N, C-alpha and C. Protein backbone atom coordinates (compact mmCIF):
# COMPACT_ATOMS: atom_id res chain seq x y z
N SER A 1 74.66 106.86 162.28
CA SER A 1 74.59 105.68 161.43
C SER A 1 73.46 105.85 160.43
N PRO A 2 73.57 105.22 159.25
CA PRO A 2 72.52 105.38 158.25
C PRO A 2 71.21 104.76 158.69
N LEU A 3 70.12 105.32 158.21
CA LEU A 3 68.80 104.78 158.52
C LEU A 3 68.63 103.43 157.86
N PRO A 4 67.93 102.50 158.52
CA PRO A 4 67.71 101.18 157.89
C PRO A 4 66.85 101.31 156.65
N ARG A 5 67.12 100.47 155.67
CA ARG A 5 66.34 100.47 154.44
C ARG A 5 64.91 99.99 154.72
N ALA A 6 63.96 100.62 154.07
CA ALA A 6 62.57 100.21 154.23
C ALA A 6 62.38 98.79 153.69
N PRO A 7 61.47 98.03 154.29
CA PRO A 7 61.25 96.67 153.78
C PRO A 7 60.69 96.70 152.37
N PRO A 8 60.88 95.62 151.61
CA PRO A 8 60.35 95.58 150.25
C PRO A 8 58.85 95.83 150.22
N THR A 9 58.40 96.49 149.18
CA THR A 9 56.98 96.78 149.03
C THR A 9 56.18 95.49 148.90
N PRO A 10 55.07 95.35 149.64
CA PRO A 10 54.27 94.13 149.50
C PRO A 10 53.69 94.00 148.10
N ARG A 11 53.31 92.78 147.76
CA ARG A 11 52.77 92.50 146.43
C ARG A 11 51.58 93.40 146.14
N PRO A 12 51.63 94.19 145.08
CA PRO A 12 50.51 95.09 144.76
C PRO A 12 49.34 94.30 144.20
N PRO A 13 48.15 94.88 144.25
CA PRO A 13 47.00 94.18 143.66
C PRO A 13 47.23 93.97 142.16
N PRO A 14 46.75 92.85 141.63
CA PRO A 14 46.98 92.59 140.20
C PRO A 14 46.26 93.60 139.32
N ILE A 15 46.86 93.87 138.17
CA ILE A 15 46.26 94.76 137.18
C ILE A 15 46.20 94.01 135.86
N SER A 16 45.06 94.04 135.21
CA SER A 16 44.90 93.31 133.95
C SER A 16 45.62 94.05 132.84
N THR A 17 45.86 93.36 131.74
CA THR A 17 46.51 94.00 130.59
C THR A 17 45.70 95.18 130.06
N PRO A 18 44.38 95.05 129.86
CA PRO A 18 43.61 96.23 129.40
C PRO A 18 43.70 97.40 130.38
N GLU A 19 43.70 97.11 131.69
CA GLU A 19 43.81 98.18 132.67
C GLU A 19 45.18 98.86 132.60
N LEU A 20 46.23 98.06 132.37
CA LEU A 20 47.57 98.64 132.27
C LEU A 20 47.68 99.52 131.03
N VAL A 21 47.14 99.07 129.91
CA VAL A 21 47.16 99.87 128.69
C VAL A 21 46.43 101.19 128.92
N GLU A 22 45.27 101.13 129.54
CA GLU A 22 44.50 102.35 129.82
C GLU A 22 45.28 103.29 130.74
N LEU A 23 45.93 102.73 131.76
CA LEU A 23 46.71 103.53 132.70
C LEU A 23 47.87 104.24 132.00
N LEU A 24 48.61 103.51 131.15
CA LEU A 24 49.78 104.10 130.49
C LEU A 24 49.37 105.17 129.48
N ASN A 25 48.31 104.93 128.74
CA ASN A 25 47.84 105.95 127.80
C ASN A 25 47.37 107.20 128.54
N ALA A 26 46.72 107.00 129.69
CA ALA A 26 46.27 108.15 130.48
C ALA A 26 47.47 108.94 131.00
N ARG A 27 48.49 108.25 131.49
CA ARG A 27 49.69 108.95 131.98
C ARG A 27 50.38 109.69 130.86
N PHE A 28 50.41 109.10 129.68
CA PHE A 28 51.03 109.75 128.53
C PHE A 28 50.30 111.05 128.20
N HIS A 29 48.98 110.99 128.11
CA HIS A 29 48.19 112.15 127.70
C HIS A 29 48.11 113.23 128.78
N GLN A 30 48.13 112.82 130.03
CA GLN A 30 47.96 113.77 131.13
C GLN A 30 49.29 114.27 131.68
N ALA A 31 50.39 113.95 131.02
CA ALA A 31 51.72 114.31 131.52
C ALA A 31 51.83 115.81 131.75
N ARG A 32 52.49 116.15 132.86
CA ARG A 32 52.71 117.56 133.22
C ARG A 32 54.01 117.66 134.01
N PRO A 33 54.62 118.84 134.07
CA PRO A 33 55.84 118.98 134.86
C PRO A 33 55.59 118.60 136.32
N SER A 34 56.40 117.69 136.83
CA SER A 34 56.19 117.20 138.19
C SER A 34 57.47 116.55 138.71
N ASN A 35 57.61 116.51 140.03
CA ASN A 35 58.68 115.75 140.64
C ASN A 35 58.32 114.27 140.76
N HIS A 36 57.07 113.93 140.48
CA HIS A 36 56.59 112.56 140.58
C HIS A 36 56.48 111.97 139.17
N MET A 37 57.23 110.90 138.91
CA MET A 37 57.32 110.38 137.56
C MET A 37 55.98 109.88 137.03
N GLU A 38 55.09 109.41 137.91
CA GLU A 38 53.79 108.94 137.43
C GLU A 38 52.94 110.08 136.89
N GLU A 39 53.26 111.33 137.25
CA GLU A 39 52.55 112.50 136.75
C GLU A 39 53.23 113.12 135.54
N ALA A 40 54.49 112.75 135.31
CA ALA A 40 55.28 113.37 134.24
C ALA A 40 55.19 112.64 132.92
N GLY A 41 54.68 111.40 132.92
CA GLY A 41 54.59 110.59 131.70
C GLY A 41 54.71 109.12 132.04
N VAL A 42 55.29 108.35 131.13
CA VAL A 42 55.47 106.91 131.33
C VAL A 42 56.97 106.62 131.41
N LEU A 43 57.39 105.99 132.49
CA LEU A 43 58.80 105.72 132.74
C LEU A 43 59.18 104.36 132.15
N VAL A 44 60.20 104.35 131.28
CA VAL A 44 60.61 103.13 130.58
C VAL A 44 62.13 103.02 130.58
N ARG A 45 62.60 101.83 130.26
CA ARG A 45 64.04 101.58 130.09
C ARG A 45 64.23 100.62 128.92
N GLY A 46 65.05 100.98 127.96
CA GLY A 46 65.37 100.09 126.86
C GLY A 46 66.32 98.99 127.32
N ILE A 47 66.19 97.82 126.72
CA ILE A 47 67.09 96.71 127.02
C ILE A 47 68.35 96.86 126.17
N ASP A 48 69.49 96.94 126.85
CA ASP A 48 70.75 97.09 126.12
C ASP A 48 71.85 96.33 126.85
N ALA A 49 73.08 96.51 126.40
CA ALA A 49 74.20 95.75 126.94
C ALA A 49 74.62 96.17 128.33
N SER A 50 74.05 97.25 128.86
CA SER A 50 74.43 97.69 130.20
C SER A 50 73.67 96.95 131.29
N SER A 51 72.76 96.06 130.91
CA SER A 51 72.03 95.25 131.87
C SER A 51 72.74 93.91 132.04
N ASP A 52 72.32 93.17 133.06
CA ASP A 52 72.89 91.85 133.29
C ASP A 52 72.62 90.96 132.08
N GLU A 53 73.62 90.22 131.64
CA GLU A 53 73.50 89.44 130.40
C GLU A 53 72.45 88.35 130.51
N LYS A 54 72.40 87.64 131.64
CA LYS A 54 71.47 86.53 131.79
C LYS A 54 70.12 86.97 132.35
N ARG A 55 70.12 88.04 133.13
CA ARG A 55 68.88 88.56 133.72
C ARG A 55 68.83 90.07 133.44
N PRO A 56 68.47 90.44 132.24
CA PRO A 56 68.60 91.84 131.82
C PRO A 56 67.71 92.82 132.58
N TRP A 57 66.80 92.32 133.40
CA TRP A 57 65.99 93.21 134.22
C TRP A 57 66.76 93.70 135.45
N LEU A 58 67.98 93.18 135.66
CA LEU A 58 68.78 93.57 136.81
C LEU A 58 69.99 94.39 136.38
N PRO A 59 70.56 95.16 137.31
CA PRO A 59 71.82 95.84 137.01
C PRO A 59 72.91 94.83 136.67
N CYS A 60 73.84 95.23 135.84
CA CYS A 60 74.92 94.35 135.41
C CYS A 60 75.74 93.86 136.61
N GLU A 61 76.08 92.56 136.61
CA GLU A 61 76.85 91.98 137.71
C GLU A 61 78.23 91.48 137.29
N SER A 62 78.49 91.34 135.99
CA SER A 62 79.79 90.86 135.53
C SER A 62 80.03 91.32 134.10
N GLY A 63 81.29 91.20 133.64
CA GLY A 63 81.63 91.61 132.28
C GLY A 63 81.95 93.09 132.20
N TRP A 64 82.04 93.58 130.96
CA TRP A 64 82.46 94.97 130.74
C TRP A 64 81.52 95.96 131.39
N CYS A 65 80.23 95.63 131.46
CA CYS A 65 79.24 96.61 131.92
C CYS A 65 79.19 96.73 133.44
N VAL A 66 79.96 95.91 134.17
CA VAL A 66 79.92 96.00 135.62
C VAL A 66 80.38 97.39 136.09
N HIS A 67 81.18 98.07 135.27
CA HIS A 67 81.64 99.42 135.62
C HIS A 67 80.51 100.44 135.53
N HIS A 68 79.37 100.06 134.94
CA HIS A 68 78.22 100.96 134.81
C HIS A 68 77.07 100.51 135.70
N SER A 69 77.36 99.63 136.66
CA SER A 69 76.31 99.05 137.49
C SER A 69 75.89 99.97 138.64
N ASP A 70 76.45 101.18 138.70
CA ASP A 70 76.11 102.09 139.79
C ASP A 70 74.88 102.94 139.48
N HIS A 71 74.21 102.65 138.37
CA HIS A 71 72.97 103.35 138.08
C HIS A 71 72.17 102.57 137.04
N MET A 72 70.89 102.88 136.95
CA MET A 72 70.01 102.35 135.91
C MET A 72 69.42 103.55 135.18
N SER A 73 69.51 103.55 133.86
CA SER A 73 69.00 104.68 133.07
C SER A 73 67.69 104.32 132.38
N GLY A 74 66.87 105.30 132.21
CA GLY A 74 65.62 105.13 131.48
C GLY A 74 65.20 106.46 130.88
N SER A 75 63.93 106.56 130.50
CA SER A 75 63.38 107.80 129.95
C SER A 75 61.94 107.94 130.38
N VAL A 76 61.47 109.17 130.45
CA VAL A 76 60.04 109.45 130.63
C VAL A 76 59.50 109.87 129.27
N VAL A 77 58.49 109.15 128.78
CA VAL A 77 57.92 109.48 127.47
C VAL A 77 56.59 110.20 127.68
N TYR A 78 56.38 111.24 126.85
CA TYR A 78 55.16 112.04 126.91
C TYR A 78 55.04 112.78 125.59
N PRO A 79 53.90 113.42 125.28
CA PRO A 79 53.71 114.04 123.97
C PRO A 79 54.80 115.03 123.60
N GLY A 80 55.38 114.84 122.43
CA GLY A 80 56.45 115.70 121.96
C GLY A 80 57.83 115.23 122.36
N HIS A 81 57.90 114.30 123.30
CA HIS A 81 59.16 113.72 123.74
C HIS A 81 58.92 112.24 124.02
N ALA A 82 58.50 111.56 122.97
CA ALA A 82 58.05 110.18 123.09
C ALA A 82 59.12 109.17 122.73
N ASP A 83 60.31 109.64 122.37
CA ASP A 83 61.34 108.71 121.93
C ASP A 83 62.03 108.05 123.12
N THR A 84 62.54 106.85 122.89
CA THR A 84 63.35 106.15 123.87
C THR A 84 64.27 105.22 123.10
N TYR A 85 65.38 104.86 123.71
CA TYR A 85 66.33 104.01 123.00
C TYR A 85 65.88 102.54 123.09
N GLY A 86 66.28 101.76 122.09
CA GLY A 86 65.99 100.33 122.11
C GLY A 86 64.67 100.00 121.44
N ALA A 87 64.64 98.85 120.76
CA ALA A 87 63.40 98.36 120.15
C ALA A 87 62.52 97.65 121.16
N ILE A 88 63.12 97.20 122.27
CA ILE A 88 62.39 96.52 123.33
C ILE A 88 62.85 97.09 124.67
N GLY A 89 62.04 96.86 125.70
CA GLY A 89 62.45 97.37 127.01
C GLY A 89 61.45 97.07 128.09
N PHE A 90 61.61 97.78 129.21
CA PHE A 90 60.82 97.58 130.40
C PHE A 90 59.92 98.78 130.66
N ILE A 91 58.72 98.52 131.17
CA ILE A 91 57.83 99.57 131.65
C ILE A 91 57.99 99.60 133.16
N ILE A 92 58.44 100.73 133.69
CA ILE A 92 58.86 100.82 135.08
C ILE A 92 57.72 101.35 135.95
N ASN A 93 57.60 100.77 137.15
CA ASN A 93 56.66 101.28 138.14
C ASN A 93 57.26 102.55 138.74
N PRO A 94 56.72 103.72 138.44
CA PRO A 94 57.35 104.97 138.88
C PRO A 94 57.34 105.13 140.39
N ALA A 95 56.38 104.48 141.08
CA ALA A 95 56.30 104.60 142.53
C ALA A 95 57.47 103.92 143.22
N LEU A 96 58.16 103.01 142.51
CA LEU A 96 59.26 102.25 143.10
C LEU A 96 60.61 102.66 142.51
N ALA A 97 60.63 103.72 141.72
CA ALA A 97 61.89 104.18 141.11
C ALA A 97 62.50 105.27 141.98
N ASP A 98 63.74 105.06 142.40
CA ASP A 98 64.47 106.05 143.18
C ASP A 98 65.28 106.90 142.19
N VAL A 99 64.70 108.03 141.78
CA VAL A 99 65.31 108.87 140.75
C VAL A 99 66.38 109.77 141.37
N ARG A 100 67.58 109.66 140.83
CA ARG A 100 68.70 110.48 141.31
C ARG A 100 68.79 111.80 140.58
N CYS A 101 68.54 111.78 139.26
CA CYS A 101 68.62 113.00 138.47
C CYS A 101 68.02 112.73 137.10
N ILE A 102 67.80 113.81 136.34
CA ILE A 102 67.28 113.70 134.98
C ILE A 102 68.10 114.62 134.08
N PHE A 103 68.39 114.14 132.87
CA PHE A 103 69.01 114.95 131.82
C PHE A 103 67.95 115.29 130.77
N PRO A 104 67.97 116.49 130.20
CA PRO A 104 67.01 116.83 129.15
C PRO A 104 67.37 116.23 127.79
N ARG A 105 68.37 115.37 127.76
CA ARG A 105 68.80 114.67 126.54
C ARG A 105 69.57 113.44 126.98
N ASP A 106 70.16 112.72 126.05
CA ASP A 106 71.05 111.63 126.42
C ASP A 106 72.19 112.21 127.25
N GLY A 107 72.35 111.72 128.47
CA GLY A 107 73.33 112.30 129.36
C GLY A 107 74.74 111.80 129.19
N GLY A 108 74.96 110.80 128.29
CA GLY A 108 76.29 110.25 128.13
C GLY A 108 76.85 109.73 129.44
N THR A 109 76.03 108.93 130.14
CA THR A 109 76.35 108.56 131.52
C THR A 109 77.27 107.36 131.67
N GLN A 110 77.54 106.63 130.60
CA GLN A 110 78.26 105.37 130.75
C GLN A 110 79.66 105.55 131.32
N ASN A 111 80.29 106.67 131.07
CA ASN A 111 81.65 106.89 131.56
C ASN A 111 81.71 107.88 132.72
N THR A 112 80.58 108.07 133.39
CA THR A 112 80.51 109.01 134.51
C THR A 112 80.17 108.26 135.79
N PRO A 113 81.07 108.16 136.76
CA PRO A 113 80.74 107.49 138.02
C PRO A 113 79.51 108.11 138.67
N GLY A 114 78.54 107.25 138.98
CA GLY A 114 77.30 107.74 139.56
C GLY A 114 76.33 108.31 138.57
N ALA A 115 76.79 108.56 137.34
CA ALA A 115 75.97 108.99 136.19
C ALA A 115 75.57 110.46 136.22
N CYS A 116 75.14 110.99 137.36
CA CYS A 116 74.68 112.37 137.38
C CYS A 116 75.86 113.34 137.25
N LYS A 117 75.59 114.50 136.66
CA LYS A 117 76.65 115.47 136.39
C LYS A 117 76.33 116.80 137.08
N ALA A 118 76.97 117.87 136.63
CA ALA A 118 76.81 119.17 137.27
C ALA A 118 75.34 119.59 137.28
N ARG A 119 74.94 120.23 138.36
CA ARG A 119 73.55 120.67 138.51
C ARG A 119 73.24 121.78 137.50
N CYS A 120 72.09 121.67 136.83
CA CYS A 120 71.66 122.70 135.89
C CYS A 120 71.34 124.00 136.64
N ASP A 121 71.61 125.12 135.98
CA ASP A 121 71.25 126.42 136.51
C ASP A 121 69.74 126.58 136.41
N LEU A 122 69.08 126.80 137.55
CA LEU A 122 67.62 126.87 137.58
C LEU A 122 67.10 128.29 137.38
N THR A 123 68.00 129.25 137.17
CA THR A 123 67.57 130.63 136.94
C THR A 123 66.72 130.71 135.68
N PRO A 124 65.54 131.32 135.72
CA PRO A 124 64.70 131.42 134.51
C PRO A 124 65.48 132.02 133.34
N GLY A 125 65.41 131.36 132.20
CA GLY A 125 66.10 131.82 131.01
C GLY A 125 67.57 131.50 130.97
N ALA A 126 68.06 130.75 131.95
CA ALA A 126 69.49 130.44 132.02
C ALA A 126 69.89 129.58 130.83
N ASN A 127 71.08 129.82 130.31
CA ASN A 127 71.63 129.01 129.23
C ASN A 127 72.56 127.98 129.86
N ASN A 128 72.14 126.72 129.80
CA ASN A 128 72.93 125.65 130.38
C ASN A 128 73.75 124.98 129.28
N PRO A 129 75.02 125.37 129.12
CA PRO A 129 75.82 124.76 128.06
C PRO A 129 76.20 123.33 128.41
N GLY A 130 76.43 122.51 127.39
CA GLY A 130 76.84 121.13 127.62
C GLY A 130 75.72 120.31 128.23
N VAL A 131 76.09 119.29 128.99
CA VAL A 131 75.12 118.38 129.59
C VAL A 131 75.09 118.60 131.09
N CYS A 132 73.92 118.92 131.62
CA CYS A 132 73.78 119.12 133.06
C CYS A 132 72.61 118.29 133.56
N SER A 133 72.51 118.16 134.88
CA SER A 133 71.50 117.31 135.50
C SER A 133 70.52 118.12 136.34
N TYR A 134 69.27 117.68 136.34
CA TYR A 134 68.27 118.21 137.26
C TYR A 134 68.10 117.20 138.39
N TYR A 135 68.21 117.70 139.63
CA TYR A 135 68.18 116.83 140.81
C TYR A 135 66.89 117.06 141.60
N PRO A 136 66.47 116.05 142.38
CA PRO A 136 65.38 116.31 143.33
C PRO A 136 65.80 117.44 144.27
N PRO A 137 64.89 118.34 144.66
CA PRO A 137 63.46 118.35 144.35
C PRO A 137 63.11 119.21 143.14
N ASP A 138 64.02 119.36 142.20
CA ASP A 138 63.79 120.25 141.06
C ASP A 138 63.60 119.49 139.74
N LEU A 139 63.19 118.22 139.83
CA LEU A 139 63.01 117.43 138.62
C LEU A 139 61.98 118.06 137.69
N HIS A 140 60.96 118.68 138.28
CA HIS A 140 59.89 119.26 137.47
C HIS A 140 60.38 120.31 136.51
N VAL A 141 61.49 120.98 136.85
CA VAL A 141 62.01 122.03 135.98
C VAL A 141 62.42 121.47 134.62
N MET A 142 62.95 120.23 134.60
CA MET A 142 63.36 119.63 133.34
C MET A 142 62.19 119.54 132.37
N PHE A 143 61.00 119.29 132.90
CA PHE A 143 59.83 119.13 132.04
C PHE A 143 59.28 120.48 131.56
N THR A 144 59.77 121.58 132.13
CA THR A 144 59.46 122.89 131.56
C THR A 144 60.48 123.25 130.49
N VAL A 145 61.71 122.73 130.62
CA VAL A 145 62.73 122.92 129.58
C VAL A 145 62.36 122.10 128.34
N MET A 146 61.80 120.91 128.55
CA MET A 146 61.33 120.04 127.46
C MET A 146 59.82 119.89 127.60
N PRO A 147 59.04 120.94 127.32
CA PRO A 147 57.59 120.87 127.56
C PRO A 147 56.89 119.93 126.60
N ALA A 148 55.77 119.42 127.04
CA ALA A 148 54.94 118.59 126.17
C ALA A 148 54.49 119.41 124.96
N ASP A 149 54.40 118.75 123.81
CA ASP A 149 53.94 119.39 122.58
C ASP A 149 52.71 118.64 122.11
N ARG A 150 51.55 119.29 122.23
CA ARG A 150 50.29 118.65 121.86
C ARG A 150 49.72 119.23 120.56
N SER A 151 50.58 119.91 119.77
CA SER A 151 50.11 120.51 118.53
C SER A 151 49.83 119.46 117.46
N CYS A 152 50.52 118.34 117.52
CA CYS A 152 50.28 117.24 116.59
C CYS A 152 49.32 116.26 117.24
N GLU A 153 48.31 115.80 116.51
CA GLU A 153 47.23 115.07 117.14
C GLU A 153 47.10 113.61 116.72
N ARG A 154 47.85 113.15 115.70
CA ARG A 154 47.62 111.76 115.27
C ARG A 154 48.94 111.03 115.06
N ARG A 155 49.56 111.17 113.89
CA ARG A 155 50.85 110.55 113.62
C ARG A 155 51.91 111.64 113.65
N CYS A 156 52.87 111.52 114.56
CA CYS A 156 53.78 112.62 114.82
C CYS A 156 55.21 112.12 114.94
N GLU A 157 56.16 113.03 114.75
CA GLU A 157 57.55 112.71 115.07
C GLU A 157 57.66 112.55 116.59
N PRO A 158 58.43 111.56 117.04
CA PRO A 158 58.49 111.30 118.48
C PRO A 158 59.02 112.47 119.29
N GLY A 159 60.01 113.21 118.76
CA GLY A 159 60.62 114.28 119.52
C GLY A 159 61.83 113.77 120.30
N GLY A 160 62.42 114.66 121.07
CA GLY A 160 63.66 114.34 121.76
C GLY A 160 63.50 113.34 122.89
N MET A 161 64.63 112.80 123.34
CA MET A 161 64.67 111.82 124.41
C MET A 161 65.39 112.40 125.61
N ASN A 162 64.86 112.14 126.80
CA ASN A 162 65.54 112.52 128.03
C ASN A 162 66.18 111.27 128.65
N GLU A 163 66.97 111.46 129.69
CA GLU A 163 67.56 110.33 130.40
C GLU A 163 67.31 110.48 131.89
N VAL A 164 66.68 109.46 132.47
CA VAL A 164 66.38 109.42 133.89
C VAL A 164 67.35 108.45 134.55
N VAL A 165 68.07 108.90 135.57
CA VAL A 165 69.04 108.07 136.27
C VAL A 165 68.42 107.60 137.59
N MET A 166 68.39 106.27 137.78
CA MET A 166 67.77 105.67 138.96
C MET A 166 68.79 104.87 139.77
N ALA A 167 68.54 104.75 141.07
CA ALA A 167 69.43 104.02 141.96
C ALA A 167 69.26 102.52 141.73
N PRO A 168 70.34 101.77 141.48
CA PRO A 168 70.22 100.33 141.25
C PRO A 168 69.84 99.56 142.51
N GLU A 169 70.19 100.08 143.69
CA GLU A 169 69.88 99.36 144.93
C GLU A 169 68.37 99.22 145.12
N GLU A 170 67.65 100.32 144.93
CA GLU A 170 66.20 100.28 145.07
C GLU A 170 65.57 99.47 143.95
N TRP A 171 66.11 99.62 142.74
CA TRP A 171 65.63 98.85 141.59
C TRP A 171 65.65 97.36 141.90
N ARG A 172 66.77 96.89 142.43
CA ARG A 172 66.93 95.46 142.74
C ARG A 172 66.06 95.05 143.93
N ALA A 173 66.04 95.88 144.97
CA ALA A 173 65.33 95.53 146.20
C ALA A 173 63.82 95.38 145.98
N GLN A 174 63.27 96.12 145.04
CA GLN A 174 61.82 96.11 144.84
C GLN A 174 61.37 95.11 143.77
N MET A 175 62.30 94.36 143.19
CA MET A 175 61.91 93.36 142.20
C MET A 175 60.99 92.30 142.83
N PRO A 176 60.00 91.80 142.07
CA PRO A 176 59.74 92.04 140.64
C PRO A 176 58.83 93.23 140.35
N TYR A 177 58.45 93.96 141.40
CA TYR A 177 57.43 94.99 141.23
C TYR A 177 57.99 96.29 140.71
N THR A 178 59.32 96.35 140.53
CA THR A 178 59.92 97.49 139.84
C THR A 178 59.34 97.62 138.44
N LEU A 179 58.97 96.50 137.85
CA LEU A 179 58.49 96.49 136.46
C LEU A 179 56.99 96.26 136.41
N LEU A 180 56.32 97.06 135.58
CA LEU A 180 54.90 96.84 135.28
C LEU A 180 54.72 95.92 134.09
N GLY A 181 55.74 95.85 133.24
CA GLY A 181 55.65 95.02 132.04
C GLY A 181 56.82 95.27 131.13
N PHE A 182 56.67 94.86 129.88
CA PHE A 182 57.71 94.97 128.86
C PHE A 182 57.10 95.65 127.64
N PHE A 183 57.95 96.19 126.77
CA PHE A 183 57.42 96.80 125.55
C PHE A 183 58.27 96.41 124.35
N VAL A 184 57.64 96.48 123.19
CA VAL A 184 58.33 96.34 121.92
C VAL A 184 57.78 97.42 121.00
N LYS A 185 58.67 98.05 120.21
CA LYS A 185 58.25 99.03 119.22
C LYS A 185 58.06 98.31 117.89
N PRO A 186 56.84 98.14 117.41
CA PRO A 186 56.63 97.42 116.14
C PRO A 186 57.38 98.04 114.97
N SER A 187 57.49 99.37 114.94
CA SER A 187 58.17 100.04 113.82
C SER A 187 59.66 99.73 113.78
N ALA A 188 60.23 99.32 114.91
CA ALA A 188 61.65 98.98 114.98
C ALA A 188 61.89 97.48 114.92
N ASP A 189 60.83 96.73 114.63
CA ASP A 189 60.94 95.27 114.65
C ASP A 189 60.20 94.64 113.47
N PRO A 190 60.61 94.95 112.23
CA PRO A 190 59.88 94.45 111.07
C PRO A 190 59.88 92.94 110.95
N SER A 191 60.92 92.27 111.43
CA SER A 191 61.00 90.82 111.30
C SER A 191 60.33 90.07 112.44
N GLY A 192 60.03 90.77 113.53
CA GLY A 192 59.46 90.11 114.71
C GLY A 192 60.50 89.51 115.63
N ALA A 193 61.78 89.65 115.29
CA ALA A 193 62.84 89.04 116.10
C ALA A 193 62.92 89.67 117.49
N GLU A 194 62.71 90.99 117.57
CA GLU A 194 62.77 91.66 118.87
C GLU A 194 61.60 91.25 119.74
N ARG A 195 60.44 91.05 119.14
CA ARG A 195 59.27 90.58 119.91
C ARG A 195 59.55 89.20 120.50
N ARG A 196 60.14 88.32 119.71
CA ARG A 196 60.46 86.99 120.23
C ARG A 196 61.50 87.08 121.35
N LYS A 197 62.46 87.99 121.19
CA LYS A 197 63.49 88.16 122.22
C LYS A 197 62.88 88.64 123.53
N VAL A 198 62.00 89.64 123.48
CA VAL A 198 61.44 90.17 124.72
C VAL A 198 60.48 89.17 125.35
N GLU A 199 59.83 88.35 124.54
CA GLU A 199 58.98 87.29 125.09
C GLU A 199 59.81 86.27 125.86
N ARG A 200 61.00 85.94 125.34
CA ARG A 200 61.88 85.01 126.04
C ARG A 200 62.36 85.61 127.37
N ILE A 201 62.72 86.89 127.33
CA ILE A 201 63.16 87.56 128.56
C ILE A 201 62.03 87.58 129.58
N ARG A 202 60.83 87.87 129.13
CA ARG A 202 59.68 87.89 130.04
C ARG A 202 59.44 86.52 130.67
N SER A 203 59.56 85.46 129.87
CA SER A 203 59.36 84.11 130.41
C SER A 203 60.35 83.81 131.52
N LEU A 204 61.60 84.21 131.33
CA LEU A 204 62.61 84.01 132.37
C LEU A 204 62.29 84.84 133.62
N PHE A 205 61.82 86.06 133.39
CA PHE A 205 61.46 86.96 134.49
C PHE A 205 60.32 86.37 135.32
N LEU A 206 59.27 85.90 134.65
CA LEU A 206 58.13 85.32 135.37
C LEU A 206 58.56 84.10 136.17
N ALA A 207 59.40 83.27 135.56
CA ALA A 207 59.87 82.06 136.24
C ALA A 207 60.74 82.41 137.45
N GLN A 208 61.59 83.41 137.30
CA GLN A 208 62.49 83.81 138.39
C GLN A 208 61.72 84.18 139.65
N TYR A 209 60.58 84.86 139.47
CA TYR A 209 59.86 85.39 140.62
C TYR A 209 58.53 84.68 140.89
N GLY A 210 58.28 83.57 140.22
CA GLY A 210 57.06 82.80 140.46
C GLY A 210 55.80 83.57 140.15
N MET A 211 55.83 84.34 139.08
CA MET A 211 54.68 85.18 138.73
C MET A 211 53.72 84.44 137.82
N GLN A 212 52.51 84.97 137.73
CA GLN A 212 51.46 84.35 136.93
C GLN A 212 51.57 84.77 135.46
N PRO A 213 51.04 83.95 134.53
CA PRO A 213 51.17 84.26 133.09
C PRO A 213 50.60 85.61 132.69
N GLY A 214 49.59 86.10 133.40
CA GLY A 214 48.99 87.37 133.03
C GLY A 214 49.70 88.59 133.57
N GLU A 215 50.73 88.39 134.40
CA GLU A 215 51.44 89.52 134.99
C GLU A 215 52.55 90.02 134.08
N ALA A 216 52.90 91.29 134.24
CA ALA A 216 54.00 91.91 133.50
C ALA A 216 53.93 91.59 132.00
N PRO A 217 52.86 92.00 131.31
CA PRO A 217 52.69 91.65 129.90
C PRO A 217 53.65 92.40 128.98
N VAL A 218 53.77 91.89 127.76
CA VAL A 218 54.48 92.61 126.70
C VAL A 218 53.46 93.48 125.97
N LEU A 219 53.69 94.79 125.94
CA LEU A 219 52.82 95.72 125.25
C LEU A 219 53.51 96.30 124.02
N LEU A 220 52.71 96.81 123.12
CA LEU A 220 53.22 97.50 121.94
C LEU A 220 53.32 98.99 122.25
N TYR A 221 54.45 99.59 121.89
CA TYR A 221 54.62 101.03 122.07
C TYR A 221 54.98 101.67 120.75
N ASP A 222 54.14 102.59 120.31
CA ASP A 222 54.36 103.33 119.06
C ASP A 222 54.60 104.79 119.39
N PRO A 223 55.86 105.24 119.39
CA PRO A 223 56.14 106.63 119.77
C PRO A 223 55.61 107.67 118.79
N HIS A 224 55.15 107.22 117.60
CA HIS A 224 54.58 108.14 116.62
C HIS A 224 53.08 108.36 116.85
N ASP A 225 52.45 107.50 117.64
CA ASP A 225 51.00 107.52 117.81
C ASP A 225 50.64 108.43 118.99
N ARG A 226 49.90 109.51 118.72
CA ARG A 226 49.50 110.42 119.78
C ARG A 226 48.14 110.08 120.39
N ILE A 227 47.44 109.12 119.80
CA ILE A 227 46.10 108.78 120.31
C ILE A 227 46.20 107.63 121.31
N THR A 228 46.73 106.49 120.88
CA THR A 228 46.90 105.33 121.76
C THR A 228 48.31 104.77 121.54
N PRO A 229 49.34 105.41 122.07
CA PRO A 229 50.69 104.91 121.87
C PRO A 229 50.93 103.54 122.50
N TRP A 230 50.15 103.21 123.53
CA TRP A 230 50.30 101.92 124.19
C TRP A 230 49.12 101.03 123.82
N ALA A 231 49.41 99.79 123.45
CA ALA A 231 48.38 98.85 123.04
C ALA A 231 48.83 97.43 123.39
N SER A 232 47.86 96.52 123.47
CA SER A 232 48.19 95.13 123.79
C SER A 232 48.47 94.32 122.54
N GLU A 233 47.80 94.61 121.46
CA GLU A 233 48.04 93.92 120.18
C GLU A 233 47.66 94.85 119.05
């Protein structure tokens, strides 16, 4: 019989907004190939139509996207590969993310049951045609295929995007601590409409879980900024 699921993680100690900004910038700059997402960069997920319509922090429960509810996708951002989809999104607690696989690009997972695809060839110098997946315990190999680029030091092109596939069961079970906060990209939000949208989503999130006003803040994320990509204002 299957092993019983571990109980939900107890409430973690509170972290202030300045401390969270410092933590995320440190993870971004210190990113290295690793099987542990907190060492590989900053784990995020853009808000899109594949999330629940009324509670977008959860896997889809109804409508067209219910067919994609068997996984949650995100990206790990780090120097040279700082891009992510969406103008707004979630900052994920990597310690609570159950990573199933990683693609070195957009994996085109919406029409793939379970999302993960054929295992990438791990042979050094192997040519992996098409889209393949890196699975535990070989996640670190993906970050050698897409190594950090620290040659640009100030304003830089974001670089390519990867796709991290996570288990929705663990994502849901660990709420609200699955999320460290929310983000908005100022460069993708000239009118401020996306900022207002993510603030509304955050208000619903805090109310749903009885959280305090200072928890799970909205941060600014600038994928072009190599010095302080994460900021509070």
